[in-house]
């Protein structure tokens, strides 16, 4: 057991939200309050902007009801951002904020790429001899963190996608006469985990159930094959449901659709592939095509969150605190699947440095030879992640989500001009 480190802890959220990312905040707060060596529990507003601007709030001052409410509330209760710390001066500034508020434990909730910030903060503190324990907590609807079996946020996203596919399929089935194509565009960037999750809408032993065609970035897209795939389905069914990942690429590696050249994180802003395919269907098949672009609803639909996912997000937050108290630092909490027939999940730890440049792709062997359907290996992997429903309170017929009071912590440093 490491020597006890007395001081305050700070929680930061970064990147896109999920339906369960606040459950990880609740896990950190609830566990931190159990340890006397953690004297105050703070949150940084709006990710790295709060770190740089010394915009901190007192989470210990929040009511227990508010903290419990985070377990069923979507979004980022502390606020988030897409930016990262880049310049040496940025890291120096954040460390000055940590010193001013005696922050000895920092918990960084974010995707794999954003954890680079956490790793560098740990390095900066070590170089200056400032004792700081930094633990990353994973979140990603894209499920692309390679060192974790799966990521908090993914199970809820595919539960929503699968349910939406079922509902839109029934709508199309009501009026289709072999002439309707429903194209459902989902997120996921360069990996097909979310698109693959739509396959969970199929009933067991009913391979012809919608979605009839699933296109993922891991398989090069061809217009010619797409047209033949759709034509084949329409000969057999009253309608065709197509699910397509936003990051589809052709055989040369070019995106099928890009909205803008770059977003705040420096990545191409993907989207619009559904409209591209709609034009192909109407021009070459003469069928009626309609596009449902699920957008950010995929990551915000807490009313249909997976209980397994929410519980694991909370567990990851708790595990982060326990790891830091035991002396760990510069580590990421991971989710580990048990080996037995019955699904179980435990937490582990891996070095933050191991995340750099890694992206977990959907395994090619989980995709059938037709390139548009998933096999039993994916169903066995994903089905446990969508089990159970989160109990959300309702008020006047709508979800009554929690909202933090966000009592500010006094600033002590001059404004940062970096």
Protein backbone atom coordinates (compact mmCIF):
# COMPACT_ATOMS: atom_id res chain seq x y z
CA UNK A 1 0.00 0.00 0.00
CA UNK A 2 1.34 3.39 -0.99
CA UNK A 3 1.97 6.10 1.56
CA UNK A 4 -1.16 8.12 2.24
CA UNK A 5 -1.38 11.27 0.15
CA UNK A 6 -3.52 14.00 1.69
CA UNK A 7 -5.07 16.69 -0.45
CA UNK A 8 -7.98 17.53 -2.74
CA UNK A 9 -9.25 15.81 -5.86
CA UNK A 10 -10.44 17.25 -9.15
CA UNK A 11 -12.64 15.74 -11.87
CA UNK A 12 -12.63 16.84 -15.50
CA UNK A 13 -14.80 15.79 -18.44
CA UNK A 14 -13.78 16.18 -22.06
CA UNK A 15 -14.95 15.26 -25.55
CA UNK A 16 -18.42 14.28 -26.71
CA UNK A 17 -20.95 13.32 -24.08
CA UNK A 18 -22.60 9.93 -23.59
CA UNK A 19 -25.79 8.79 -21.91
CA UNK A 20 -23.77 7.49 -18.95
CA UNK A 21 -20.67 9.70 -18.65
CA UNK A 22 -22.16 11.48 -15.63
CA UNK A 23 -22.49 8.12 -13.90
CA UNK A 24 -18.68 8.04 -13.87
CA UNK A 25 -18.65 11.45 -12.17
CA UNK A 26 -21.08 10.07 -9.59
CA UNK A 27 -18.80 7.07 -9.08
CA UNK A 28 -15.75 9.26 -8.49
CA UNK A 29 -17.58 11.60 -6.09
CA UNK A 30 -19.25 8.86 -4.06
CA UNK A 31 -15.99 6.93 -3.65
CA UNK A 32 -13.87 10.02 -2.95
CA UNK A 33 -16.14 10.98 -0.06
CA UNK A 34 -15.30 7.63 1.59
CA UNK A 35 -11.60 8.51 2.03
CA UNK A 36 -10.41 10.94 4.68
CA UNK A 37 -7.19 11.64 2.77
CA UNK A 38 -9.32 13.37 0.11
CA UNK A 39 -10.32 16.58 1.82
CA UNK A 40 -12.25 18.36 -0.93
CA UNK A 41 -13.89 17.13 -4.13
CA UNK A 42 -13.83 19.61 -7.01
CA UNK A 43 -14.94 19.61 -10.62
CA UNK A 44 -13.41 21.53 -13.53
CA UNK A 45 -15.94 23.32 -15.73
CA UNK A 46 -15.83 22.69 -19.48
CA UNK A 47 -12.85 20.35 -19.59
CA UNK A 48 -9.43 21.86 -20.15
CA UNK A 49 -10.98 25.35 -20.33
CA UNK A 50 -11.83 25.02 -16.65
CA UNK A 51 -8.34 23.80 -15.85
CA UNK A 52 -6.74 26.76 -17.58
CA UNK A 53 -9.26 29.31 -16.34
CA UNK A 54 -9.26 28.02 -12.73
CA UNK A 55 -13.01 27.53 -13.06
CA UNK A 56 -13.64 24.96 -10.34
CA UNK A 57 -16.81 23.95 -8.51
CA UNK A 58 -17.32 22.28 -5.14
CA UNK A 59 -18.87 18.85 -5.74
CA UNK A 60 -18.92 17.96 -2.05
CA UNK A 61 -21.39 20.82 -1.59
CA UNK A 62 -23.89 19.16 -3.93
CA UNK A 63 -26.83 17.30 -2.42
CA UNK A 64 -26.70 13.52 -2.35
CA UNK A 65 -29.85 13.58 -4.46
CA UNK A 66 -28.07 15.57 -7.18
CA UNK A 67 -25.09 13.22 -7.21
CA UNK A 68 -27.37 10.17 -7.37
CA UNK A 69 -29.27 11.87 -10.19
CA UNK A 70 -26.12 11.93 -12.31
CA UNK A 71 -26.48 8.17 -12.69
CA UNK A 72 -29.45 8.67 -15.03
CA UNK A 73 -28.64 12.09 -16.51
CA UNK A 74 -27.07 12.49 -20.00
CA UNK A 75 -24.72 15.19 -21.23
CA UNK A 76 -21.68 16.38 -19.29
CA UNK A 77 -22.79 17.77 -15.94
CA UNK A 78 -19.50 19.64 -15.51
CA UNK A 79 -19.40 20.81 -19.12
CA UNK A 80 -16.98 19.51 -21.71
CA UNK A 81 -14.91 20.66 -24.68
CA UNK A 82 -13.09 19.29 -27.72
CA UNK A 83 -9.80 21.06 -27.05
CA UNK A 84 -6.62 19.68 -25.55
CA UNK A 85 -3.69 21.15 -23.69
CA UNK A 86 -0.98 21.72 -26.28
CA UNK A 87 1.72 24.22 -25.30
CA UNK A 88 4.16 23.68 -22.43
CA UNK A 89 2.77 26.89 -20.94
CA UNK A 90 -0.68 25.26 -20.79
CA UNK A 91 0.61 22.41 -18.68
CA UNK A 92 2.55 24.80 -16.46
CA UNK A 93 -0.62 26.81 -15.93
CA UNK A 94 -2.71 23.78 -15.00
CA UNK A 95 -0.07 22.60 -12.58
CA UNK A 96 -0.10 26.07 -10.98
CA UNK A 97 -3.88 25.72 -10.55
CA UNK A 98 -3.38 22.30 -8.98
CA UNK A 99 -0.81 23.67 -6.55
CA UNK A 100 -2.99 26.65 -5.63
CA UNK A 101 -5.85 24.33 -4.67
CA UNK A 102 -3.75 21.45 -3.31
CA UNK A 103 -5.04 19.09 -6.00
CA UNK A 104 -3.30 15.76 -5.40
CA UNK A 105 -5.72 13.54 -7.33
CA UNK A 106 -6.92 14.28 -10.84
CA UNK A 107 -9.53 12.13 -12.58
CA UNK A 108 -9.83 12.68 -16.33
CA UNK A 109 -13.02 11.32 -17.92
CA UNK A 110 -12.60 11.15 -21.68
CA UNK A 111 -11.90 9.12 -24.80
CA UNK A 112 -8.57 7.57 -25.72
CA UNK A 113 -7.23 10.58 -27.57
CA UNK A 114 -8.05 13.04 -24.80
CA UNK A 115 -6.23 10.90 -22.25
CA UNK A 116 -3.00 12.22 -23.78
CA UNK A 117 -3.67 15.37 -21.77
CA UNK A 118 -3.90 13.35 -18.56
CA UNK A 119 -0.67 11.51 -19.33
CA UNK A 120 1.22 14.75 -19.96
CA UNK A 121 -0.14 16.32 -16.79
CA UNK A 122 1.25 13.38 -14.83
CA UNK A 123 4.62 13.80 -16.59
CA UNK A 124 4.73 17.55 -15.90
CA UNK A 125 3.98 17.06 -12.21
CA UNK A 126 6.61 14.34 -11.88
CA UNK A 127 9.22 16.53 -13.59
CA UNK A 128 8.60 19.27 -11.05
CA UNK A 129 8.53 16.92 -8.08
CA UNK A 130 4.88 17.71 -7.34
CA UNK A 131 3.14 14.63 -5.98
CA UNK A 132 0.04 14.10 -8.10
CA UNK A 133 -1.88 10.97 -8.96
CA UNK A 134 -3.64 11.03 -12.31
CA UNK A 135 -6.16 8.37 -13.34
CA UNK A 136 -8.10 8.30 -16.61
CA UNK A 137 -11.71 7.11 -16.75
CA UNK A 138 -12.80 5.87 -20.21
CA UNK A 139 -15.85 7.02 -22.13
CA UNK A 140 -16.62 6.56 -25.81
CA UNK A 141 -19.77 5.78 -27.75
CA UNK A 142 -17.42 4.82 -30.61
CA UNK A 143 -16.00 2.00 -28.44
CA UNK A 144 -12.56 2.59 -29.95
CA UNK A 145 -10.28 2.52 -26.88
CA UNK A 146 -8.09 -0.53 -27.63
CA UNK A 147 -7.05 -1.58 -24.12
CA UNK A 148 -10.59 -1.97 -22.79
CA UNK A 149 -12.98 -4.78 -23.72
CA UNK A 150 -15.61 -2.11 -24.25
CA UNK A 151 -16.18 1.51 -23.27
CA UNK A 152 -18.79 3.13 -21.03
CA UNK A 153 -21.29 4.85 -23.31
CA UNK A 154 -21.20 2.28 -26.10
CA UNK A 155 -23.83 -0.10 -24.72
CA UNK A 156 -26.40 2.66 -24.28
CA UNK A 157 -25.73 4.07 -27.75
CA UNK A 158 -26.30 0.74 -29.51
CA UNK A 159 -29.36 0.03 -27.37
CA UNK A 160 -30.85 3.27 -28.71
CA UNK A 161 -29.72 2.56 -32.28
CA UNK A 162 -31.13 -0.97 -32.20
CA UNK A 163 -34.48 0.22 -30.84
CA UNK A 164 -34.65 3.01 -33.43
CA UNK A 165 -33.95 0.54 -36.26
CA UNK A 166 -36.81 -1.64 -35.02
CA UNK A 167 -39.20 1.31 -34.93
CA UNK A 168 -38.25 2.76 -38.32
CA UNK A 169 -38.46 -0.71 -39.83
CA UNK A 170 -42.02 -1.15 -38.63
CA UNK A 171 -42.89 2.25 -40.06
CA UNK A 172 -41.47 1.29 -43.48
CA UNK A 173 -43.11 -2.13 -43.37
CA UNK A 174 -46.51 -0.48 -42.97
CA UNK A 175 -46.43 1.12 -46.42
CA UNK A 176 -43.65 -0.59 -48.35
CA UNK A 177 -44.40 -2.51 -51.51
CA UNK A 178 -40.85 -3.39 -52.48
CA UNK A 179 -40.11 0.24 -53.24
CA UNK A 180 -38.96 1.95 -50.00
CA UNK A 181 -35.35 2.22 -48.84
CA UNK A 182 -34.71 3.59 -45.34
CA UNK A 183 -31.13 4.74 -44.84
CA UNK A 184 -30.09 5.21 -41.21
CA UNK A 185 -26.84 7.12 -40.73
CA UNK A 186 -25.04 6.57 -37.44
CA UNK A 187 -21.94 8.04 -35.84
CA UNK A 188 -18.69 6.20 -35.17
CA UNK A 189 -16.05 8.11 -37.14
CA UNK A 190 -13.47 5.62 -38.44
CA UNK A 191 -14.80 2.51 -36.75
CA UNK A 192 -17.95 0.49 -37.30
CA UNK A 193 -18.88 -0.39 -33.74
CA UNK A 194 -22.03 1.76 -33.69
CA UNK A 195 -23.23 0.68 -37.12
CA UNK A 196 -22.65 -2.95 -36.19
CA UNK A 197 -24.73 -2.42 -33.06
CA UNK A 198 -27.80 -1.84 -35.24
CA UNK A 199 -27.70 -5.57 -36.01
CA UNK A 200 -28.96 -6.25 -32.49
CA UNK A 201 -32.39 -5.27 -33.81
CA UNK A 202 -32.56 -8.67 -35.54
CA UNK A 203 -34.44 -11.40 -33.71
CA UNK A 204 -32.51 -14.55 -32.99
CA UNK A 205 -32.74 -17.02 -35.87
CA UNK A 206 -34.30 -14.38 -38.17
CA UNK A 207 -31.37 -13.33 -40.41
CA UNK A 208 -33.68 -11.53 -42.87
CA UNK A 209 -34.92 -9.11 -40.21
CA UNK A 210 -33.97 -5.43 -40.57
CA UNK A 211 -31.44 -3.99 -40.77
CA UNK A 212 -31.02 -5.74 -44.10
CA UNK A 213 -27.69 -4.11 -44.94
CA UNK A 214 -25.01 -2.69 -42.60
CA UNK A 215 -22.05 -0.78 -44.04
CA UNK A 216 -19.04 -0.14 -41.80
CA UNK A 217 -15.74 1.73 -42.39
CA UNK A 218 -13.78 -1.49 -41.98
CA UNK A 219 -15.11 -2.69 -45.36
CA UNK A 220 -14.34 -0.60 -48.47
CA UNK A 221 -17.55 0.83 -49.92
CA UNK A 222 -18.56 0.36 -53.56
CA UNK A 223 -21.50 2.13 -55.21
CA UNK A 224 -21.96 -0.77 -57.62
CA UNK A 225 -22.14 -3.36 -54.86
CA UNK A 226 -24.46 -1.11 -52.83
CA UNK A 227 -26.95 -0.89 -55.70
CA UNK A 228 -26.91 -4.67 -56.20
CA UNK A 229 -27.28 -5.27 -52.44
CA UNK A 230 -30.35 -3.04 -52.25
CA UNK A 231 -31.88 -4.48 -55.43
CA UNK A 232 -31.50 -7.99 -54.02
CA UNK A 233 -33.29 -7.07 -50.77
CA UNK A 234 -36.16 -5.29 -52.54
CA UNK A 235 -36.83 -8.39 -54.62
CA UNK A 236 -37.31 -10.33 -51.40
CA UNK A 237 -38.81 -7.82 -48.95
CA UNK A 238 -41.44 -5.05 -48.88
CA UNK A 239 -38.75 -2.53 -47.99
CA UNK A 240 -35.00 -2.28 -47.33
CA UNK A 241 -33.38 -0.88 -44.21
CA UNK A 242 -29.77 0.22 -44.61
CA UNK A 243 -27.52 1.26 -41.71
CA UNK A 244 -24.40 3.16 -42.64
CA UNK A 245 -21.50 4.43 -40.55
CA UNK A 246 -20.58 8.09 -41.10
CA UNK A 247 -16.94 7.21 -41.76
CA UNK A 248 -17.43 4.99 -44.82
CA UNK A 249 -14.44 4.95 -47.15
CA UNK A 250 -13.93 3.70 -50.71
CA UNK A 251 -11.21 1.29 -51.86
CA UNK A 252 -8.71 4.17 -52.00
CA UNK A 253 -9.41 5.19 -48.42
CA UNK A 254 -11.37 8.34 -49.30
CA UNK A 255 -14.41 9.26 -47.23
CA UNK A 256 -17.69 8.79 -49.06
CA UNK A 257 -18.94 12.03 -47.47
CA UNK A 258 -17.29 14.85 -45.49
CA UNK A 259 -19.15 17.92 -44.21
CA UNK A 260 -16.21 20.16 -43.28
CA UNK A 261 -12.46 19.81 -43.44
CA UNK A 262 -11.82 19.87 -39.69
CA UNK A 263 -13.51 20.32 -36.32
CA UNK A 264 -12.09 21.79 -33.10
CA UNK A 265 -10.12 18.61 -32.45
CA UNK A 266 -8.48 18.76 -35.88
CA UNK A 267 -10.50 15.92 -37.41
CA UNK A 268 -12.58 15.91 -40.57
CA UNK A 269 -16.21 16.60 -39.68
CA UNK A 270 -18.00 13.53 -40.99
CA UNK A 271 -21.64 13.24 -41.97
CA UNK A 272 -23.93 13.30 -44.96
CA UNK A 273 -23.23 9.81 -46.26
CA UNK A 274 -26.93 8.96 -45.93
CA UNK A 275 -27.88 11.72 -48.37
CA UNK A 276 -25.20 10.54 -50.81
CA UNK A 277 -26.64 7.03 -50.78
CA UNK A 278 -30.18 8.35 -51.09
CA UNK A 279 -29.23 10.00 -54.38
CA UNK A 280 -27.71 6.74 -55.60
CA UNK A 281 -30.85 4.76 -54.75
CA UNK A 282 -33.23 7.18 -56.40
CA UNK A 283 -31.08 7.66 -59.50
CA UNK A 284 -30.17 4.04 -60.15
CA UNK A 285 -33.03 2.04 -58.65
CA UNK A 286 -35.97 4.40 -58.97
CA UNK A 287 -37.06 3.52 -55.44
CA UNK A 288 -38.21 5.98 -52.81
CA UNK A 289 -35.39 6.63 -50.32
CA UNK A 290 -35.53 8.40 -47.01
CA UNK A 291 -32.73 9.24 -44.61
CA UNK A 292 -32.77 9.16 -40.82
CA UNK A 293 -29.65 10.74 -39.43
CA UNK A 294 -29.57 9.89 -35.74
CA UNK A 295 -26.91 12.50 -34.89
CA UNK A 296 -26.19 13.35 -31.27
CA UNK A 297 -29.39 11.62 -30.14
CA UNK A 298 -27.33 8.41 -30.20
CA UNK A 299 -25.20 9.59 -27.31
CA UNK A 300 -27.84 11.58 -25.39
CA UNK A 301 -30.76 9.14 -25.17
CA UNK A 302 -30.59 8.41 -21.45
CA UNK A 303 -34.29 7.49 -21.44
CA UNK A 304 -33.19 4.28 -23.20
CA UNK A 305 -29.82 3.80 -21.54
CA UNK A 306 -28.48 0.35 -20.76
CA UNK A 307 -28.41 -0.44 -17.05
CA UNK A 308 -25.34 -2.62 -17.59
CA UNK A 309 -23.62 0.35 -19.23
CA UNK A 310 -24.63 2.86 -16.54
CA UNK A 311 -23.54 0.52 -13.74
CA UNK A 312 -20.16 -0.04 -15.40
CA UNK A 313 -19.64 3.70 -15.91
CA UNK A 314 -20.25 4.22 -12.18
CA UNK A 315 -17.93 1.30 -11.39
CA UNK A 316 -15.17 2.82 -13.52
CA UNK A 317 -15.40 6.06 -11.54
CA UNK A 318 -15.17 4.21 -8.24
CA UNK A 319 -12.23 2.15 -9.48
CA UNK A 320 -10.34 5.29 -10.49
CA UNK A 321 -10.44 6.63 -6.93
CA UNK A 322 -9.46 3.29 -5.41
CA UNK A 323 -6.50 3.06 -7.81
CA UNK A 324 -5.30 6.56 -6.96
CA UNK A 325 -5.63 5.99 -3.21
CA UNK A 326 -3.55 2.82 -3.56
CA UNK A 327 -0.74 4.81 -5.19
CA UNK A 328 -1.39 4.31 -8.92
CA UNK A 329 -0.90 7.18 -11.37
CA UNK A 330 -0.74 7.79 -15.12
CA UNK A 331 -3.13 4.86 -15.56
CA UNK A 332 -6.45 4.33 -17.32
CA UNK A 333 -9.28 2.29 -15.83
CA UNK A 334 -10.30 -0.49 -18.22
CA UNK A 335 -13.28 -2.83 -18.37
CA UNK A 336 -12.45 -6.53 -18.39
CA UNK A 337 -14.90 -9.23 -19.44
CA UNK A 338 -14.99 -12.47 -17.50
CA UNK A 339 -14.27 -15.82 -19.15
CA UNK A 340 -17.39 -17.69 -18.05
CA UNK A 341 -20.60 -18.31 -19.95
CA UNK A 342 -22.38 -15.79 -17.72
CA UNK A 343 -21.38 -12.20 -18.53
CA UNK A 344 -19.34 -10.48 -15.85
CA UNK A 345 -17.27 -7.32 -15.88
CA UNK A 346 -14.41 -6.17 -13.69
CA UNK A 347 -12.05 -3.21 -13.86
CA UNK A 348 -8.34 -3.19 -14.61
CA UNK A 349 -5.61 -0.63 -15.21
CA UNK A 350 -3.32 0.14 -18.12
CA UNK A 351 -0.71 2.83 -18.69
CA UNK A 352 -2.04 6.03 -20.25
CA UNK A 353 1.04 6.04 -22.47
CA UNK A 354 -0.21 2.86 -24.19
CA UNK A 355 -3.14 4.73 -25.76
CA UNK A 356 -1.15 7.00 -28.05
CA UNK A 357 -2.04 6.48 -31.72
CA UNK A 358 -4.15 3.37 -31.11
CA UNK A 359 -7.68 2.87 -32.44
CA UNK A 360 -9.73 -0.25 -31.87
CA UNK A 361 -11.42 -1.32 -35.08
CA UNK A 362 -14.35 -3.69 -35.43
CA UNK A 363 -12.70 -7.11 -35.99
CA UNK A 364 -12.96 -8.09 -39.66
CA UNK A 365 -13.68 -11.69 -38.71
CA UNK A 366 -16.91 -10.52 -37.01
CA UNK A 367 -18.20 -9.31 -40.39
CA UNK A 368 -19.68 -11.92 -42.73
CA UNK A 369 -18.24 -12.49 -46.19
CA UNK A 370 -21.07 -10.47 -47.74
CA UNK A 371 -19.60 -7.38 -46.05
CA UNK A 372 -23.04 -6.15 -44.94
CA UNK A 373 -23.93 -8.31 -41.94
CA UNK A 374 -22.43 -9.36 -38.62
CA UNK A 375 -21.90 -12.88 -37.37
CA UNK A 376 -22.46 -14.59 -34.03
CA UNK A 377 -19.17 -13.34 -32.59
CA UNK A 378 -20.42 -9.76 -32.62
CA UNK A 379 -23.81 -10.71 -31.16
CA UNK A 380 -22.12 -12.63 -28.36
CA UNK A 381 -19.90 -9.61 -27.65
CA UNK A 382 -22.51 -6.85 -27.81
CA UNK A 383 -25.72 -8.38 -26.45
CA UNK A 384 -24.69 -8.28 -22.75
CA UNK A 385 -23.83 -4.59 -23.04
CA UNK A 386 -27.43 -3.49 -23.71
CA UNK A 387 -29.15 -5.40 -20.93
CA UNK A 388 -31.45 -3.72 -18.42
CA UNK A 389 -33.05 -0.31 -18.24
CA UNK A 390 -32.05 2.66 -16.12
CA UNK A 391 -34.82 3.93 -13.83
CA UNK A 392 -35.37 7.56 -14.86
CA UNK A 393 -37.83 9.68 -12.85
CA UNK A 394 -40.50 11.54 -14.80
CA UNK A 395 -42.16 14.89 -14.20
CA UNK A 396 -45.15 16.14 -16.21
CA UNK A 397 -44.64 13.26 -18.62
CA UNK A 398 -40.96 13.92 -19.38
CA UNK A 399 -37.66 12.74 -17.87
CA UNK A 400 -36.62 14.76 -14.82
CA UNK A 401 -32.85 14.85 -15.21
CA UNK A 402 -30.50 16.15 -12.52
CA UNK A 403 -28.66 19.45 -12.64
CA UNK A 404 -25.72 20.44 -10.47
CA UNK A 405 -25.75 23.66 -8.45
CA UNK A 406 -22.09 24.30 -9.37
CA UNK A 407 -20.98 26.29 -6.34
CA UNK A 408 -17.80 28.05 -7.46
CA UNK A 409 -14.45 27.66 -5.74
CA UNK A 410 -12.64 30.98 -5.19
CA UNK A 411 -9.97 31.81 -7.72
CA UNK A 412 -6.46 32.57 -6.45
CA UNK A 413 -4.40 33.10 -9.61
CA UNK A 414 -4.25 35.88 -12.21
CA UNK A 415 -6.20 35.20 -15.41
CA UNK A 416 -4.32 33.04 -17.90
CA UNK A 417 -3.34 34.87 -21.07
CA UNK A 418 -1.90 31.86 -22.93
